[in-house]
Amino acid sequence: MDLGLTGKVAMVTGASRGLGRAMAHAFADEGMCVSVCARTQRTLTEAVAALTQTGSAPRPAMGYVGDVTKPEDAQKWVEETLKKFGGIDVLVNNAGAARPGALAEIPESAWQEQFDLNLFAPVRLARLCAPHMEKRGGGSIINIGSIYGRESGGPLTYNASKAALHSFTKMLAREYAPKNIRVNTIAPGSILTAGGNWERRFRDNPAFEKDFIGHEMPAGRLGRPEEVAYAVVMLASPRASWIMGASIPVDGAQGRSIL
C-alpha cells in the first residue's frame, strides 16, 4: 500500500539510537526526507551516515546536534530543517528518559529535568512546527508516550511526566483538528534495544529476564524497535486521516489498561 508519504519531511527527536533511529529509517524507507536530532555528535553522525547510505541510492537526511530541552536548540533545529527541506510535515517527539527513585530520594531539580524532556520539549516543538504544517495543508505530530503514561508503573517521575504527555496530546488534538494537523500518542511497552537498559539488565541478571518475561510479557518476549517504528509511520500517513487524539499501545499485550 502506498502510504502517501513520499517526499514529505519528518523530524524525529532522540534519533541517534534505539526507537528514534528505527523510526528515522522507517520514514526514509517510505521516501521521506528525514531530519534527526540528538545530543551526542558521534552517535548522531553514525546514525545519519547509516540513514543516507541504506539502499541503492542516497536518501535525503540531515542531523542536528542539540538538546531539545533548550529553547534555542529546538528553534535552531526547526530553522535548519526548513532551510534544507523547505517544510515540515511530521514531528515525532521521541526523546525521553526515566529517573528512578522514591519521592524522598528525588530532588526537585530532577523532577524539573524529567518534565523538561518528557513534556515541555514536545510542547515547545509542537508550537514551533505546527505553523509550518498548517502552511502545507496539515501534518502529523506523534508523541512517544508509554504504557506507563496510561496506567501505573515505572519510575515515579517517568509515570507522571508521560501521563501528562498523553493528556497534552488529547487536548492538542482537539485544538489542531480544524487545521488538519493530527496529534496522537504511541505508547510502547518494554522494547529491547542494542545497548539499552533492558539489554544491560538482562545481561547482568538472566534470572530477572526469565522472571520478567514470564510475568509481564504475554507474547514471551520484549518488543523490537522496528515494531514501534511501523506504528509511527502508519500514524504519520494520510491513510490514518481519521485517527486523532488516540493513544495506541504497541506493547505485545503487556499493558493492563482497558482504555
Protein backbone atom coordinates (compact mmCIF):
# COMPACT_ATOMS: atom_id res chain seq x y z
CA MET A 1 0.00 0.00 0.00
CA ASP A 2 1.20 3.49 -0.86
CA LEU A 3 1.12 5.40 2.42
CA GLY A 4 1.28 8.77 0.72
CA LEU A 5 4.47 9.86 2.47
CA THR A 6 6.92 10.11 -0.43
CA GLY A 7 8.69 13.46 -0.46
CA LYS A 8 7.27 14.62 2.87
CA VAL A 9 9.50 15.86 5.68
CA ALA A 10 9.76 14.18 9.10
CA MET A 11 11.55 15.43 12.22
CA VAL A 12 12.48 12.91 14.93
CA THR A 13 13.99 13.68 18.33
CA GLY A 14 16.33 11.29 20.13
CA ALA A 15 17.10 9.59 16.84
CA SER A 16 20.74 8.56 17.15
CA ARG A 17 19.86 5.12 18.54
CA GLY A 18 17.06 2.84 19.65
CA LEU A 19 13.46 3.71 18.86
CA GLY A 20 14.22 7.07 17.26
CA ARG A 21 16.78 5.60 14.89
CA ALA A 22 14.35 2.86 13.85
CA MET A 23 11.66 5.49 13.19
CA ALA A 24 14.03 7.55 11.05
CA HIS A 25 14.85 4.50 8.92
CA ALA A 26 11.18 3.59 8.57
CA PHE A 27 10.37 7.10 7.34
CA ALA A 28 13.27 7.03 4.91
CA ASP A 29 12.07 3.67 3.58
CA GLU A 30 8.82 5.44 2.65
CA GLY A 31 10.73 8.00 0.58
CA MET A 32 10.59 10.81 3.13
CA CYS A 33 13.15 13.49 3.88
CA VAL A 34 14.28 12.92 7.46
CA SER A 35 15.72 15.41 9.96
CA VAL A 36 17.02 13.85 13.17
CA CYS A 37 18.20 15.42 16.40
CA ALA A 38 20.28 14.08 19.29
CA ARG A 39 22.67 15.41 21.89
CA THR A 40 25.78 13.39 21.03
CA GLN A 41 27.75 14.23 17.88
CA ARG A 42 29.41 10.84 17.43
CA THR A 43 26.28 8.70 17.60
CA LEU A 44 24.28 11.20 15.55
CA THR A 45 26.91 11.23 12.80
CA GLU A 46 26.86 7.44 12.70
CA ALA A 47 23.07 7.39 12.57
CA VAL A 48 22.84 9.90 9.72
CA ALA A 49 25.54 8.05 7.75
CA ALA A 50 23.63 4.78 8.12
CA LEU A 51 20.40 6.51 7.19
CA THR A 52 21.69 8.10 4.00
CA GLN A 53 23.68 5.09 2.83
CA THR A 54 20.99 2.43 3.21
CA GLY A 55 19.61 1.20 -0.11
CA SER A 56 20.73 1.58 -3.69
CA ALA A 57 20.58 5.39 -3.76
CA PRO A 58 21.44 8.09 -1.20
CA ARG A 59 18.45 9.13 0.88
CA PRO A 60 17.74 12.73 1.94
CA ALA A 61 18.55 13.14 5.61
CA MET A 62 20.17 15.59 7.98
CA GLY A 63 21.27 15.58 11.58
CA TYR A 64 21.33 18.33 14.16
CA VAL A 65 23.28 18.12 17.41
CA GLY A 66 21.19 19.76 20.09
CA ASP A 67 19.29 19.46 23.32
CA VAL A 68 15.55 19.87 22.73
CA THR A 69 15.04 20.95 26.33
CA LYS A 70 16.87 24.16 25.39
CA PRO A 71 14.62 26.61 23.51
CA GLU A 72 17.47 27.93 21.37
CA ASP A 73 18.43 24.42 20.21
CA ALA A 74 14.85 23.49 19.36
CA GLN A 75 14.39 26.72 17.41
CA LYS A 76 17.65 26.27 15.50
CA TRP A 77 16.83 22.67 14.58
CA VAL A 78 13.50 23.71 13.13
CA GLU A 79 15.16 26.53 11.19
CA GLU A 80 17.86 24.23 9.79
CA THR A 81 15.26 21.67 8.75
CA LEU A 82 13.24 24.33 6.93
CA LYS A 83 16.36 25.62 5.22
CA LYS A 84 17.30 22.16 3.94
CA PHE A 85 13.91 20.65 3.10
CA GLY A 86 11.56 23.62 2.75
CA GLY A 87 8.83 22.50 5.13
CA ILE A 88 7.70 20.16 7.90
CA ASP A 89 5.01 17.50 7.64
CA VAL A 90 5.65 15.16 10.56
CA LEU A 91 7.08 15.70 14.04
CA VAL A 92 7.90 12.75 16.31
CA ASN A 93 8.70 13.66 19.90
CA ASN A 94 10.61 10.54 20.82
CA ALA A 95 13.36 11.74 23.19
CA GLY A 96 12.65 10.77 26.78
CA ALA A 97 14.22 9.43 29.94
CA ALA A 98 13.40 7.91 33.31
CA ARG A 99 14.83 8.87 36.70
CA PRO A 100 14.32 6.06 39.24
CA GLY A 101 13.88 6.63 42.94
CA ALA A 102 11.32 7.13 45.68
CA LEU A 103 9.78 10.53 46.34
CA ALA A 104 12.11 11.33 49.25
CA GLU A 105 15.15 10.43 47.12
CA ILE A 106 14.39 12.58 44.08
CA PRO A 107 15.33 16.27 44.30
CA GLU A 108 13.07 18.89 42.82
CA SER A 109 15.65 19.60 40.12
CA ALA A 110 15.31 16.01 38.87
CA TRP A 111 11.56 16.40 38.62
CA GLN A 112 12.08 19.54 36.54
CA GLU A 113 14.58 17.75 34.27
CA GLN A 114 12.16 14.90 33.65
CA PHE A 115 9.27 17.17 32.79
CA ASP A 116 11.51 19.37 30.64
CA LEU A 117 12.42 16.38 28.47
CA ASN A 118 9.28 14.24 28.59
CA LEU A 119 6.68 17.03 28.39
CA PHE A 120 7.89 20.58 27.84
CA ALA A 121 10.21 19.76 24.91
CA PRO A 122 7.31 18.17 22.98
CA VAL A 123 5.13 21.18 23.85
CA ARG A 124 7.81 23.54 22.53
CA LEU A 125 8.43 21.63 19.32
CA ALA A 126 4.72 21.29 18.60
CA ARG A 127 4.37 25.05 18.94
CA LEU A 128 7.34 25.62 16.60
CA CYS A 129 6.36 23.09 13.93
CA ALA A 130 2.57 23.41 13.75
CA PRO A 131 2.52 26.75 11.86
CA HIS A 132 4.71 25.24 9.14
CA MET A 133 2.47 22.17 8.89
CA GLU A 134 -0.54 24.42 8.55
CA LYS A 135 1.11 26.20 5.61
CA ARG A 136 1.39 22.83 3.83
CA GLY A 137 -2.25 21.94 4.42
CA GLY A 138 -1.80 19.82 7.52
CA GLY A 139 0.53 17.38 9.18
CA SER A 140 1.04 14.89 11.97
CA ILE A 141 2.50 15.23 15.46
CA ILE A 142 3.27 11.95 17.19
CA ASN A 143 4.31 11.92 20.83
CA ILE A 144 6.03 8.81 22.12
CA GLY A 145 4.45 8.13 25.48
CA SER A 146 4.44 4.82 27.30
CA ILE A 147 2.10 2.20 28.65
CA TYR A 148 3.19 3.77 31.94
CA GLY A 149 1.60 7.00 30.87
CA ARG A 150 -1.72 5.14 30.54
CA GLU A 151 -1.53 3.18 33.80
CA SER A 152 0.57 2.99 36.95
CA GLY A 153 4.07 1.58 36.64
CA GLY A 154 7.67 2.59 36.08
CA PRO A 155 9.62 5.26 37.97
CA LEU A 156 7.56 7.95 39.68
CA THR A 157 8.89 10.88 37.62
CA TYR A 158 8.52 8.92 34.39
CA ASN A 159 4.94 7.86 35.06
CA ALA A 160 3.85 11.37 35.99
CA SER A 161 5.53 13.11 33.05
CA LYS A 162 4.37 10.55 30.49
CA ALA A 163 0.80 10.73 31.81
CA ALA A 164 1.00 14.50 31.33
CA LEU A 165 2.23 13.96 27.76
CA HIS A 166 -0.76 11.72 26.99
CA SER A 167 -3.10 14.37 28.38
CA PHE A 168 -1.41 17.12 26.37
CA THR A 169 -1.76 15.04 23.22
CA LYS A 170 -5.50 14.57 23.67
CA MET A 171 -6.21 18.25 24.21
CA LEU A 172 -3.88 19.41 21.44
CA ALA A 173 -5.58 17.05 19.01
CA ARG A 174 -8.87 18.83 19.61
CA GLU A 175 -7.26 22.22 19.10
CA TYR A 176 -5.43 21.30 15.89
CA ALA A 177 -8.04 19.08 14.21
CA PRO A 178 -9.62 22.07 12.37
CA LYS A 179 -6.18 22.79 10.88
CA ASN A 180 -5.80 19.22 9.61
CA ILE A 181 -2.90 18.60 12.00
CA ARG A 182 -3.39 15.21 13.60
CA VAL A 183 -1.90 14.70 17.08
CA ASN A 184 -1.57 11.21 18.54
CA THR A 185 0.44 9.19 21.04
CA ILE A 186 2.19 5.88 20.63
CA ALA A 187 2.54 4.03 23.95
CA PRO A 188 5.34 1.44 23.74
CA GLY A 189 5.79 -1.29 26.25
CA SER A 190 9.19 -2.76 27.09
CA ILE A 191 11.40 -2.64 23.98
CA LEU A 192 14.75 -4.40 23.66
CA THR A 193 17.31 -2.10 22.02
CA ALA A 194 21.02 -2.58 21.42
CA GLY A 195 22.91 -1.11 24.36
CA GLY A 196 19.66 -0.16 26.07
CA ASN A 197 18.53 -0.53 29.65
CA TRP A 198 16.74 -3.85 29.19
CA GLU A 199 19.71 -5.41 27.41
CA ARG A 200 22.02 -4.40 30.26
CA ARG A 201 19.65 -5.59 32.99
CA PHE A 202 19.06 -8.94 31.33
CA ARG A 203 22.77 -9.46 30.71
CA ASP A 204 23.57 -8.74 34.35
CA ASN A 205 20.73 -10.88 35.71
CA PRO A 206 19.47 -13.70 33.46
CA ALA A 207 17.14 -14.88 36.22
CA PHE A 208 15.43 -11.49 36.25
CA GLU A 209 15.00 -11.67 32.46
CA LYS A 210 13.22 -15.02 32.70
CA ASP A 211 11.02 -13.85 35.58
CA PHE A 212 10.12 -10.53 33.96
CA ILE A 213 9.20 -12.03 30.61
CA GLY A 214 7.28 -14.83 32.29
CA HIS A 215 5.18 -12.44 34.40
CA GLU A 216 4.94 -9.30 32.27
CA MET A 217 5.16 -10.25 28.59
CA PRO A 218 2.28 -12.43 27.34
CA ALA A 219 3.92 -12.71 23.92
CA GLY A 220 7.01 -14.28 25.51
CA ARG A 221 9.49 -11.58 24.50
CA LEU A 222 10.15 -7.85 24.52
CA GLY A 223 9.28 -5.70 21.54
CA ARG A 224 11.66 -4.65 18.79
CA PRO A 225 12.33 -1.01 17.80
CA GLU A 226 11.08 -1.54 14.26
CA GLU A 227 7.73 -2.74 15.59
CA VAL A 228 7.20 0.64 17.22
CA ALA A 229 8.55 2.42 14.14
CA TYR A 230 5.98 0.78 11.86
CA ALA A 231 3.16 2.03 14.07
CA VAL A 232 4.61 5.54 13.97
CA VAL A 233 4.81 5.51 10.18
CA MET A 234 1.21 4.32 9.97
CA LEU A 235 0.04 7.18 12.20
CA ALA A 236 2.07 9.70 10.21
CA SER A 237 0.45 8.61 6.96
CA PRO A 238 -2.54 10.44 5.46
CA ARG A 239 -4.12 6.97 5.36
CA ALA A 240 -4.66 7.43 9.11
CA SER A 241 -6.63 10.62 8.47
CA TRP A 242 -9.39 9.89 10.99
CA ILE A 243 -7.09 8.91 13.86
CA MET A 244 -6.79 11.96 16.12
CA GLY A 245 -6.12 12.23 19.83
CA ALA A 246 -5.52 8.49 20.10
CA SER A 247 -3.19 6.69 22.49
CA ILE A 248 -2.14 3.50 20.76
CA PRO A 249 -0.31 0.81 22.80
CA VAL A 250 2.44 -1.05 20.97
CA ASP A 251 3.27 -3.50 23.73
CA GLY A 252 2.54 -7.12 22.90
CA ALA A 253 -0.37 -7.04 25.40
CA GLN A 254 1.98 -6.06 28.23
CA GLY A 255 -0.21 -3.16 29.38
CA ARG A 256 -3.18 -3.73 31.64
CA SER A 257 -5.23 -0.62 30.93
CA ILE A 258 -8.67 -1.35 29.46
CA LEU A 259 -8.85 2.06 27.75
